Amino acid sequence: MLNVYVLGVATAPASRRRDDVRLEELVYDTAKRALDDAQVTQAALDSVTLGSSDELDGRPISSMLMASPAGGFQTDEIKVSDSGLTALCLAAARHASGDFDLGMVSSWCKPSKADVPVVMNSRADPFYLRDLGVDDLMTDALFAQAVADEFGIDDAELAERAAAGRRRAARNPRGLGSEVSVGDLGGYLATPIREAHRAETTDGAASLVLASERWLARHPDKRPIARLAGVGWSNDSYSLDRERLRGLKSARSAWNSALRMAGGDTRPDVIEFESPTVFHEAAYERALDVGDAAISPSGGVYAQNPLAATGLVHAVEAVLQVSDRAEGVQVPGARRAVAHSCHGFAQQGNVFAVFDRTGEN
């Protein structure tokens, strides 16, 4: 069981496009608000862990420019490129090593500045798929076809999920959501995915401040707002065959690992899924033992969807749930919340993080 504590969190205001600030300014503002929420200074940090994509940033070795505004000025810094939630897992491992006591995790993305389909196509298999023009939308469509057949997901359920997700996002003061009627699904993007089945991208960032038990013992005036109790991650095959798409093996493995680390006797009250389409949400609910948990009360990707940073945004939403600070989307009495992220083509990689309520809230 992990005993890493969250002191403060922040997300950037939801926006389809942030032309008013440079990426450095967007990230700095978010990191600063997380530090203020934790009531600590940047100088007190002993580590910073970053999660971002150089390709989507449009910069080689993007962290050379971004580390300082993300909290890493004259501070030990490392970076991962899978997802912001993967960075959280790495930060947890750094704290568990005993070498670090007070750290920041930051993630960001401005997809409005990038040609996302071109970036995703460049990540496809160079011998068989890249020249076909395969991108994330096409592979999500292959996944959607596979899971709809595997789990019997019908059009009526998909329409209701699309409408419900946007209704929840519209209630989230940190989200960007507009409601859609069950019948207003738009045209097909890639069969069987229609416009309302897929969330639009947003520009955004997220930051969390983490502390060890040792640091808290030395600073009794500081009160954590949540405990990071468990993490799990798994990557599946690179292929897009029928068995891989239907199996959701990496999702099942990461889910089980995170709950086992956190102590599996307590089931989650909230799960914030990263569901690029409503097919993903429907498949995750069927493949995993979600029980009676509230699914993506924040609105999930319909509230904010800054691609590389979406998973860490969900981590912030999970922390807010167990600290009774989720405002318009608060689930009453939530004691355990799980954040999720997926990355790669057709949810090839999955990450889960489990947050528990602490005695201080």
Protein backbone atom coordinates (compact mmCIF):
# COMPACT_ATOMS: atom_id res chain seq x y z
CA MET A 1 0.00 0.00 0.00
CA LEU A 2 1.25 3.44 -0.91
CA ASN A 3 1.37 6.26 1.60
CA VAL A 4 1.93 9.29 -0.60
CA TYR A 5 -0.19 12.32 0.20
CA VAL A 6 -1.67 15.09 -1.92
CA LEU A 7 -1.31 18.60 -0.53
CA GLY A 8 -2.66 20.69 -3.38
CA VAL A 9 -4.07 20.50 -6.90
CA ALA A 10 -4.98 22.74 -9.81
CA THR A 11 -6.16 22.56 -13.40
CA ALA A 12 -6.08 25.25 -16.05
CA PRO A 13 -9.44 26.81 -16.90
CA ALA A 14 -11.14 24.75 -19.59
CA SER A 15 -10.83 26.20 -23.07
CA ARG A 16 -11.05 24.95 -26.63
CA ARG A 17 -8.14 27.19 -27.57
CA ARG A 18 -5.82 29.35 -25.45
CA ASP A 19 -4.36 31.98 -27.75
CA ASP A 20 -4.10 34.48 -24.90
CA VAL A 21 -1.12 32.79 -23.21
CA ARG A 22 2.05 30.99 -24.21
CA LEU A 23 2.30 27.35 -23.20
CA GLU A 24 4.88 28.32 -20.56
CA GLU A 25 2.43 30.81 -19.03
CA LEU A 26 -0.41 28.30 -19.02
CA VAL A 27 1.73 25.73 -17.22
CA TYR A 28 3.26 28.24 -14.80
CA ASP A 29 -0.14 29.55 -13.72
CA THR A 30 -1.44 26.03 -13.09
CA ALA A 31 1.64 24.93 -11.15
CA LYS A 32 1.59 28.13 -9.08
CA ARG A 33 -2.05 27.62 -8.12
CA ALA A 34 -1.31 24.04 -7.06
CA LEU A 35 1.53 25.29 -4.85
CA ASP A 36 -0.75 27.95 -3.37
CA ASP A 37 -3.40 25.31 -2.74
CA ALA A 38 -0.78 23.23 -0.90
CA GLN A 39 0.53 26.30 0.93
CA VAL A 40 4.13 25.54 0.01
CA THR A 41 6.68 27.36 -2.15
CA GLN A 42 8.46 26.17 -5.26
CA ALA A 43 11.78 26.45 -3.42
CA ALA A 44 10.62 23.78 -0.96
CA LEU A 45 10.20 21.14 -3.70
CA ASP A 46 12.84 18.44 -4.02
CA SER A 47 11.49 16.86 -7.23
CA VAL A 48 9.32 17.55 -10.24
CA THR A 49 7.87 14.86 -12.52
CA LEU A 50 6.51 15.89 -15.90
CA GLY A 51 4.15 14.22 -18.36
CA SER A 52 3.91 15.68 -21.85
CA SER A 53 4.33 14.98 -25.56
CA ASP A 54 7.13 16.66 -27.52
CA GLU A 55 5.23 16.04 -30.77
CA LEU A 56 2.04 17.70 -29.53
CA ASP A 57 4.08 20.53 -27.99
CA GLY A 58 5.76 20.99 -31.36
CA ARG A 59 9.18 21.11 -29.68
CA PRO A 60 12.02 18.60 -29.43
CA ILE A 61 12.96 18.03 -25.77
CA SER A 62 10.09 20.26 -24.73
CA SER A 63 10.98 19.93 -21.05
CA MET A 64 14.04 22.15 -21.57
CA LEU A 65 11.61 25.06 -21.84
CA MET A 66 8.79 23.71 -19.72
CA ALA A 67 10.49 22.28 -16.63
CA SER A 68 10.98 25.62 -14.87
CA PRO A 69 7.43 26.98 -15.31
CA ALA A 70 6.12 23.54 -14.28
CA GLY A 71 7.89 23.84 -10.92
CA GLY A 72 11.32 22.47 -11.78
CA PHE A 73 13.56 25.53 -11.39
CA GLN A 74 16.79 24.27 -9.78
CA THR A 75 14.93 21.09 -8.79
CA ASP A 76 15.49 17.44 -9.68
CA GLU A 77 13.30 16.82 -12.76
CA ILE A 78 12.36 13.83 -14.92
CA LYS A 79 9.76 13.38 -17.64
CA VAL A 80 7.60 10.68 -19.23
CA SER A 81 5.72 10.95 -22.52
CA ASP A 82 2.93 8.35 -22.18
CA SER A 83 0.45 10.44 -20.20
CA GLY A 84 0.17 12.80 -17.26
CA LEU A 85 -1.15 9.99 -15.08
CA THR A 86 1.91 7.88 -15.94
CA ALA A 87 3.96 10.77 -14.57
CA LEU A 88 1.97 10.54 -11.33
CA CYS A 89 2.87 6.85 -11.06
CA LEU A 90 6.54 7.69 -11.54
CA ALA A 91 6.32 10.42 -8.92
CA ALA A 92 4.75 7.96 -6.49
CA ALA A 93 7.62 5.54 -7.10
CA ARG A 94 10.14 8.30 -6.44
CA HIS A 95 8.49 9.08 -3.10
CA ALA A 96 8.25 5.38 -2.23
CA SER A 97 12.02 5.07 -2.77
CA GLY A 98 12.60 7.30 0.26
CA ASP A 99 14.82 9.67 -1.73
CA PHE A 100 12.19 12.39 -2.19
CA ASP A 101 9.73 14.03 0.19
CA LEU A 102 7.95 16.96 -1.49
CA GLY A 103 7.29 16.87 -5.21
CA MET A 104 5.23 18.34 -7.99
CA VAL A 105 3.61 16.46 -10.87
CA SER A 106 2.72 18.59 -13.89
CA SER A 107 1.23 17.79 -17.27
CA TRP A 108 0.01 19.95 -20.15
CA CYS A 109 -1.06 19.95 -23.77
CA LYS A 110 -2.25 22.47 -26.37
CA PRO A 111 -3.75 20.27 -29.09
CA SER A 112 -5.16 23.40 -30.75
CA LYS A 113 -1.59 24.20 -31.82
CA ALA A 114 -0.86 20.77 -33.26
CA ASP A 115 -2.01 18.70 -36.22
CA VAL A 116 -3.13 15.82 -34.01
CA PRO A 117 -3.98 13.32 -36.81
CA VAL A 118 -0.52 13.83 -38.36
CA VAL A 119 1.18 13.37 -34.98
CA MET A 120 -0.79 10.21 -34.28
CA ASN A 121 -0.13 8.85 -37.78
CA SER A 122 3.60 9.28 -37.17
CA ARG A 123 3.26 6.90 -34.21
CA ALA A 124 1.71 4.13 -36.32
CA ASP A 125 3.57 1.04 -37.42
CA PRO A 126 5.85 2.28 -40.26
CA PHE A 127 5.67 -0.89 -42.35
CA TYR A 128 1.96 -1.69 -42.42
CA LEU A 129 -0.18 1.14 -41.05
CA ARG A 130 1.48 4.54 -41.44
CA ASP A 131 1.14 4.74 -45.22
CA LEU A 132 -2.56 3.90 -44.90
CA GLY A 133 -3.07 7.17 -43.03
CA VAL A 134 -4.07 5.45 -39.79
CA ASP A 135 -4.54 7.82 -36.83
CA ASP A 136 -6.21 7.81 -33.42
CA LEU A 137 -9.72 8.29 -34.81
CA MET A 138 -9.42 5.32 -37.14
CA THR A 139 -8.02 3.04 -34.44
CA ASP A 140 -10.72 4.18 -32.01
CA ALA A 141 -13.26 3.22 -34.67
CA LEU A 142 -11.72 -0.26 -34.94
CA PHE A 143 -11.89 -0.52 -31.16
CA ALA A 144 -15.50 0.69 -31.16
CA GLN A 145 -16.53 -1.94 -33.70
CA ALA A 146 -14.79 -4.67 -31.70
CA VAL A 147 -16.23 -3.82 -28.28
CA ALA A 148 -19.73 -3.09 -29.61
CA ASP A 149 -19.79 -6.63 -30.96
CA GLU A 150 -18.11 -8.16 -27.90
CA PHE A 151 -20.35 -6.50 -25.29
CA GLY A 152 -23.56 -5.88 -27.24
CA ILE A 153 -23.38 -2.08 -27.06
CA ASP A 154 -26.31 -0.61 -28.98
CA ASP A 155 -27.07 2.80 -30.48
CA ALA A 156 -29.57 3.79 -27.79
CA GLU A 157 -27.03 3.26 -25.01
CA LEU A 158 -24.38 5.22 -26.89
CA ALA A 159 -26.73 8.14 -27.47
CA GLU A 160 -27.69 8.29 -23.79
CA ARG A 161 -24.05 8.08 -22.68
CA ALA A 162 -23.10 10.95 -25.01
CA ALA A 163 -25.92 13.12 -23.67
CA ALA A 164 -25.27 12.17 -20.02
CA GLY A 165 -21.55 12.91 -20.26
CA ARG A 166 -22.21 16.39 -21.59
CA ARG A 167 -24.86 17.03 -18.93
CA ARG A 168 -22.35 16.22 -16.22
CA ALA A 169 -19.67 18.37 -17.86
CA ALA A 170 -22.09 21.30 -17.99
CA ARG A 171 -22.41 21.13 -14.17
CA ASN A 172 -18.64 21.11 -13.63
CA PRO A 173 -17.29 24.61 -12.87
CA ARG A 174 -13.85 23.44 -14.10
CA GLY A 175 -15.24 22.02 -17.32
CA LEU A 176 -16.15 23.11 -20.79
CA GLY A 177 -19.41 21.41 -21.63
CA SER A 178 -22.46 21.99 -23.76
CA GLU A 179 -25.44 19.70 -23.52
CA VAL A 180 -26.61 17.58 -26.44
CA SER A 181 -29.93 15.84 -26.94
CA VAL A 182 -30.11 12.08 -27.31
CA GLY A 183 -31.16 12.49 -30.93
CA ASP A 184 -28.52 15.09 -31.85
CA LEU A 185 -25.53 12.84 -32.60
CA GLY A 186 -24.24 14.45 -35.79
CA GLY A 187 -22.64 12.67 -38.74
CA TYR A 188 -20.20 9.79 -38.80
CA LEU A 189 -16.51 10.57 -38.21
CA ALA A 190 -15.34 6.99 -38.73
CA THR A 191 -17.84 4.15 -38.59
CA PRO A 192 -19.35 3.55 -36.04
CA ILE A 193 -18.23 6.75 -34.25
CA ARG A 194 -20.48 9.78 -34.71
CA GLU A 195 -19.68 13.38 -33.79
CA ALA A 196 -21.36 13.31 -30.37
CA HIS A 197 -19.71 9.98 -29.52
CA ARG A 198 -16.31 11.64 -29.34
CA ALA A 199 -15.20 14.53 -27.14
CA GLU A 200 -13.50 17.53 -28.65
CA THR A 201 -9.99 18.37 -27.50
CA THR A 202 -9.21 21.29 -25.22
CA ASP A 203 -6.05 23.16 -24.24
CA GLY A 204 -5.14 22.59 -20.62
CA ALA A 205 -2.78 21.65 -17.81
CA ALA A 206 -2.86 20.03 -14.38
CA SER A 207 -0.56 19.93 -11.36
CA LEU A 208 -0.50 18.07 -8.04
CA VAL A 209 1.76 18.56 -5.03
CA LEU A 210 2.76 15.30 -3.31
CA ALA A 211 4.32 14.74 0.11
CA SER A 212 5.74 11.75 1.94
CA GLU A 213 4.79 10.64 5.46
CA ARG A 214 8.24 11.72 6.57
CA TRP A 215 7.73 15.25 5.24
CA LEU A 216 4.31 15.52 6.91
CA ALA A 217 5.79 14.37 10.22
CA ARG A 218 8.29 17.23 9.98
CA HIS A 219 5.56 19.73 9.06
CA PRO A 220 2.61 19.07 11.39
CA ASP A 221 0.98 22.35 10.32
CA LYS A 222 0.35 20.95 6.81
CA ARG A 223 -2.76 18.89 6.17
CA PRO A 224 -3.10 16.56 3.17
CA ILE A 225 -6.30 16.63 1.16
CA ALA A 226 -6.03 13.02 -0.09
CA ARG A 227 -3.86 9.92 0.05
CA LEU A 228 -2.54 8.27 -3.08
CA ALA A 229 -3.11 4.67 -2.02
CA GLY A 230 -2.34 2.68 -5.16
CA VAL A 231 -1.27 2.90 -8.78
CA GLY A 232 -1.24 0.44 -11.65
CA TRP A 233 -0.21 0.58 -15.29
CA SER A 234 0.03 -1.84 -18.18
CA ASN A 235 0.74 -1.78 -21.93
CA ASP A 236 -0.76 -4.21 -24.39
CA SER A 237 0.41 -5.39 -27.80
CA TYR A 238 1.16 -2.84 -30.53
CA SER A 239 -1.03 -4.78 -32.96
CA LEU A 240 -4.66 -3.97 -33.78
CA ASP A 241 -5.97 -7.50 -34.12
CA ARG A 242 -9.40 -8.64 -33.00
CA GLU A 243 -8.23 -10.33 -29.79
CA ARG A 244 -6.28 -7.29 -28.59
CA LEU A 245 -9.12 -4.85 -29.30
CA ARG A 246 -11.75 -7.00 -27.61
CA GLY A 247 -9.68 -8.20 -24.68
CA LEU A 248 -8.94 -4.94 -22.80
CA LYS A 249 -6.09 -6.83 -21.16
CA SER A 250 -4.00 -3.79 -20.23
CA ALA A 251 -7.04 -2.06 -18.68
CA ARG A 252 -7.90 -5.12 -16.60
CA SER A 253 -4.29 -5.60 -15.51
CA ALA A 254 -3.72 -1.95 -14.51
CA TRP A 255 -7.07 -1.81 -12.69
CA ASN A 256 -6.35 -4.94 -10.66
CA SER A 257 -2.82 -3.81 -9.82
CA ALA A 258 -3.95 -0.40 -8.57
CA LEU A 259 -6.77 -1.77 -6.40
CA ARG A 260 -4.56 -4.54 -5.02
CA MET A 261 -1.91 -2.01 -4.00
CA ALA A 262 -4.56 0.22 -2.42
CA GLY A 263 -6.19 -2.64 -0.51
CA GLY A 264 -8.91 -4.28 -2.54
CA ASP A 265 -11.48 -4.55 0.26
CA THR A 266 -12.63 -0.95 -0.27
CA ARG A 267 -14.43 -0.43 -3.55
CA PRO A 268 -14.30 2.98 -5.26
CA ASP A 269 -17.14 5.45 -4.89
CA VAL A 270 -16.01 7.41 -7.97
CA ILE A 271 -14.17 6.45 -11.16
CA GLU A 272 -12.96 9.11 -13.58
CA PHE A 273 -12.45 7.26 -16.86
CA GLU A 274 -10.52 8.69 -19.79
CA SER A 275 -12.92 7.67 -22.54
CA PRO A 276 -12.00 9.14 -25.94
CA THR A 277 -15.38 7.85 -27.14
CA VAL A 278 -18.53 6.62 -25.43
CA PHE A 279 -17.63 3.15 -26.72
CA HIS A 280 -14.63 3.25 -24.37
CA GLU A 281 -16.76 4.16 -21.36
CA ALA A 282 -19.26 1.38 -22.11
CA ALA A 283 -16.47 -1.17 -22.56
CA TYR A 284 -14.61 -0.15 -19.38
CA GLU A 285 -17.76 -0.43 -17.29
CA ARG A 286 -18.37 -3.96 -18.57
CA ALA A 287 -14.78 -5.20 -18.41
CA LEU A 288 -13.98 -3.91 -14.91
CA ASP A 289 -15.65 -4.55 -11.57
CA VAL A 290 -16.88 -0.99 -11.04
CA GLY A 291 -19.70 -1.90 -8.64
CA ASP A 292 -21.92 1.05 -7.75
CA ALA A 293 -19.27 3.70 -8.38
CA ALA A 294 -20.28 7.00 -9.94
CA ILE A 295 -18.73 7.05 -13.41
CA SER A 296 -16.97 10.25 -14.48
CA PRO A 297 -19.15 12.64 -12.44
CA SER A 298 -16.91 15.49 -13.65
CA GLY A 299 -18.06 14.91 -17.20
CA GLY A 300 -14.75 13.25 -17.99
CA VAL A 301 -13.35 14.11 -21.41
CA TYR A 302 -16.44 16.20 -22.17
CA ALA A 303 -15.37 18.60 -19.40
CA GLN A 304 -11.68 18.80 -20.32
CA ASN A 305 -9.68 16.81 -22.84
CA PRO A 306 -6.11 18.13 -23.20
CA LEU A 307 -4.91 14.77 -24.59
CA ALA A 308 -1.51 14.14 -22.93
CA ALA A 309 -2.74 15.86 -19.75
CA THR A 310 -6.26 14.40 -19.59
CA GLY A 311 -5.30 11.64 -17.16
CA LEU A 312 -3.79 14.10 -14.68
CA VAL A 313 -6.88 16.31 -14.97
CA HIS A 314 -8.86 13.22 -13.91
CA ALA A 315 -6.49 12.76 -10.98
CA VAL A 316 -7.29 16.31 -9.84
CA GLU A 317 -11.01 15.59 -10.16
CA ALA A 318 -10.60 12.39 -8.10
CA VAL A 319 -8.74 14.30 -5.37
CA LEU A 320 -11.43 16.95 -5.29
CA GLN A 321 -14.07 14.25 -4.82
CA VAL A 322 -12.45 12.69 -1.73
CA SER A 323 -11.73 16.12 -0.26
CA ASP A 324 -15.32 17.35 -0.75
CA ARG A 325 -14.23 20.15 -3.08
CA ALA A 326 -15.73 19.00 -6.40
CA GLU A 327 -18.50 21.62 -6.12
CA GLY A 328 -21.28 21.12 -8.69
CA VAL A 329 -20.28 17.52 -9.46
CA GLN A 330 -19.55 16.37 -5.90
CA VAL A 331 -20.55 12.78 -5.07
CA PRO A 332 -21.78 12.91 -1.44
CA GLY A 333 -19.60 10.96 0.98
CA ALA A 334 -17.00 9.86 -1.59
CA ARG A 335 -14.17 8.17 0.27
CA ARG A 336 -12.28 6.46 -2.55
CA ALA A 337 -11.91 7.80 -6.09
CA VAL A 338 -10.02 6.27 -9.01
CA ALA A 339 -8.48 8.24 -11.87
CA HIS A 340 -7.81 6.60 -15.23
CA SER A 341 -5.81 7.37 -18.34
CA CYS A 342 -5.34 5.56 -21.63
CA HIS A 343 -2.69 6.16 -24.27
CA GLY A 344 -1.46 4.71 -27.52
CA PHE A 345 -3.72 3.41 -30.27
CA ALA A 346 -7.08 1.96 -29.20
CA GLN A 347 -6.31 2.06 -25.44
CA GLN A 348 -3.05 0.13 -25.84
CA GLY A 349 -1.80 1.49 -22.51
CA ASN A 350 -3.85 2.08 -19.37
CA VAL A 351 -3.08 3.69 -16.01
CA PHE A 352 -5.13 3.83 -12.79
CA ALA A 353 -4.52 5.78 -9.59
CA VAL A 354 -6.49 5.31 -6.38
CA PHE A 355 -7.08 8.23 -4.01
CA ASP A 356 -8.50 7.87 -0.50
CA ARG A 357 -10.02 10.38 1.86
CA THR A 358 -7.73 11.33 4.73
CA GLY A 359 -8.63 11.89 8.37
CA GLU A 360 -8.22 15.63 7.87
CA ASN A 361 -11.22 15.97 5.56
